[in-house]
Amino acid sequence: MANHKSALKRIKQSAKKYERNKVVRTSVKKVVKEVKAAVAEGAVEESVKSFRTAKSVITKAANKKVIHKNTASRKIARLSKMVKSI
């Protein structure tokens, strides 16, 4: 365990940041799964709608620096390709 006051504060800050980021990461995973499921069903309108939501969530995660901007771009591009295929 840390002994310095600043190190103790840092541990608290890291724990808070971890919890906030975990929520964002899981929401990204959830929307990606929704798009993939809609594409697998072949539902065009539903997949387009879920893709728009996913794009928004992924972009917000990148803006918050939870995921890297290139990772966000790659995820969006792959989902877009999937949606266009149906």
Protein backbone atom coordinates (compact mmCIF):
# COMPACT_ATOMS: atom_id res chain seq x y z
CA MET A 1 0.00 0.00 0.00
CA ALA A 2 1.13 3.52 -0.73
CA ASN A 3 2.55 5.64 2.05
CA HIS A 4 2.58 9.13 0.55
CA LYS A 5 -0.51 11.29 0.57
CA SER A 6 -0.22 11.97 -3.17
CA ALA A 7 0.08 8.25 -3.91
CA LEU A 8 -3.04 7.51 -1.87
CA LYS A 9 -4.94 10.21 -3.77
CA ARG A 10 -3.65 8.79 -7.05
CA ILE A 11 -5.00 5.36 -6.16
CA LYS A 12 -8.45 6.83 -5.49
CA GLN A 13 -8.39 8.78 -8.74
CA SER A 14 -7.32 5.72 -10.72
CA ALA A 15 -10.11 3.64 -9.23
CA LYS A 16 -12.72 6.26 -10.19
CA LYS A 17 -11.32 6.59 -13.68
CA TYR A 18 -11.27 2.80 -14.12
CA GLU A 19 -14.95 2.51 -13.17
CA ARG A 20 -15.98 5.33 -15.53
CA ASN A 21 -13.96 3.88 -18.41
CA LYS A 22 -15.33 0.38 -17.77
CA VAL A 23 -18.88 1.65 -18.31
CA VAL A 24 -17.91 3.25 -21.61
CA ARG A 25 -15.99 0.18 -22.85
CA THR A 26 -18.87 -2.16 -22.08
CA SER A 27 -21.32 0.15 -23.85
CA VAL A 28 -19.07 0.05 -26.94
CA LYS A 29 -19.05 -3.75 -26.84
CA LYS A 30 -22.82 -3.82 -26.42
CA VAL A 31 -23.58 -1.62 -29.44
CA VAL A 32 -21.12 -3.55 -31.62
CA LYS A 33 -22.91 -6.78 -30.70
CA GLU A 34 -26.27 -5.20 -31.56
CA VAL A 35 -25.06 -4.21 -35.03
CA LYS A 36 -23.61 -7.66 -35.68
CA ALA A 37 -26.83 -9.32 -34.55
CA ALA A 38 -28.94 -7.08 -36.80
CA VAL A 39 -26.68 -7.81 -39.77
CA ALA A 40 -26.84 -11.54 -39.07
CA GLU A 41 -30.65 -11.39 -39.11
CA GLY A 42 -30.58 -9.45 -42.37
CA ALA A 43 -32.75 -6.63 -41.01
CA VAL A 44 -31.66 -3.66 -43.10
CA GLU A 45 -33.46 -0.84 -41.28
CA GLU A 46 -32.60 -2.18 -37.85
CA SER A 47 -28.94 -2.64 -38.76
CA VAL A 48 -28.69 0.91 -40.14
CA LYS A 49 -30.34 2.32 -37.02
CA SER A 50 -28.09 0.34 -34.68
CA PHE A 51 -25.04 1.31 -36.75
CA ARG A 52 -25.80 5.01 -36.26
CA THR A 53 -26.08 4.48 -32.52
CA ALA A 54 -22.86 2.45 -32.48
CA LYS A 55 -20.99 5.09 -34.44
CA SER A 56 -22.06 7.74 -31.95
CA VAL A 57 -21.09 5.67 -28.91
CA ILE A 58 -17.72 4.68 -30.38
CA THR A 59 -16.90 8.27 -31.34
CA LYS A 60 -17.76 9.50 -27.86
CA ALA A 61 -15.52 6.83 -26.33
CA ALA A 62 -12.66 7.98 -28.54
CA ASN A 63 -13.26 11.62 -27.63
CA LYS A 64 -13.13 10.71 -23.93
CA LYS A 65 -9.82 8.93 -24.62
CA VAL A 66 -11.22 5.61 -23.37
CA ILE A 67 -10.28 3.95 -26.67
CA HIS A 68 -7.70 5.14 -29.17
CA LYS A 69 -8.99 7.18 -32.11
CA ASN A 70 -7.58 4.69 -34.63
CA THR A 71 -9.31 1.83 -32.83
CA ALA A 72 -12.57 3.75 -32.99
CA SER A 73 -12.07 4.46 -36.67
CA ARG A 74 -11.32 0.81 -37.38
CA LYS A 75 -14.40 -0.39 -35.50
CA ILE A 76 -16.64 2.08 -37.33
CA ALA A 77 -15.19 1.14 -40.72
CA ARG A 78 -15.68 -2.58 -40.13
CA LEU A 79 -19.23 -2.13 -38.91
CA SER A 80 -19.99 0.12 -41.88
CA LYS A 81 -18.67 -2.54 -44.25
CA MET A 82 -20.88 -5.16 -42.60
CA VAL A 83 -23.98 -2.98 -42.84
CA LYS A 84 -23.33 -2.15 -46.50
CA SER A 85 -22.97 -5.84 -47.35
CA ILE A 86 -26.66 -6.57 -46.68
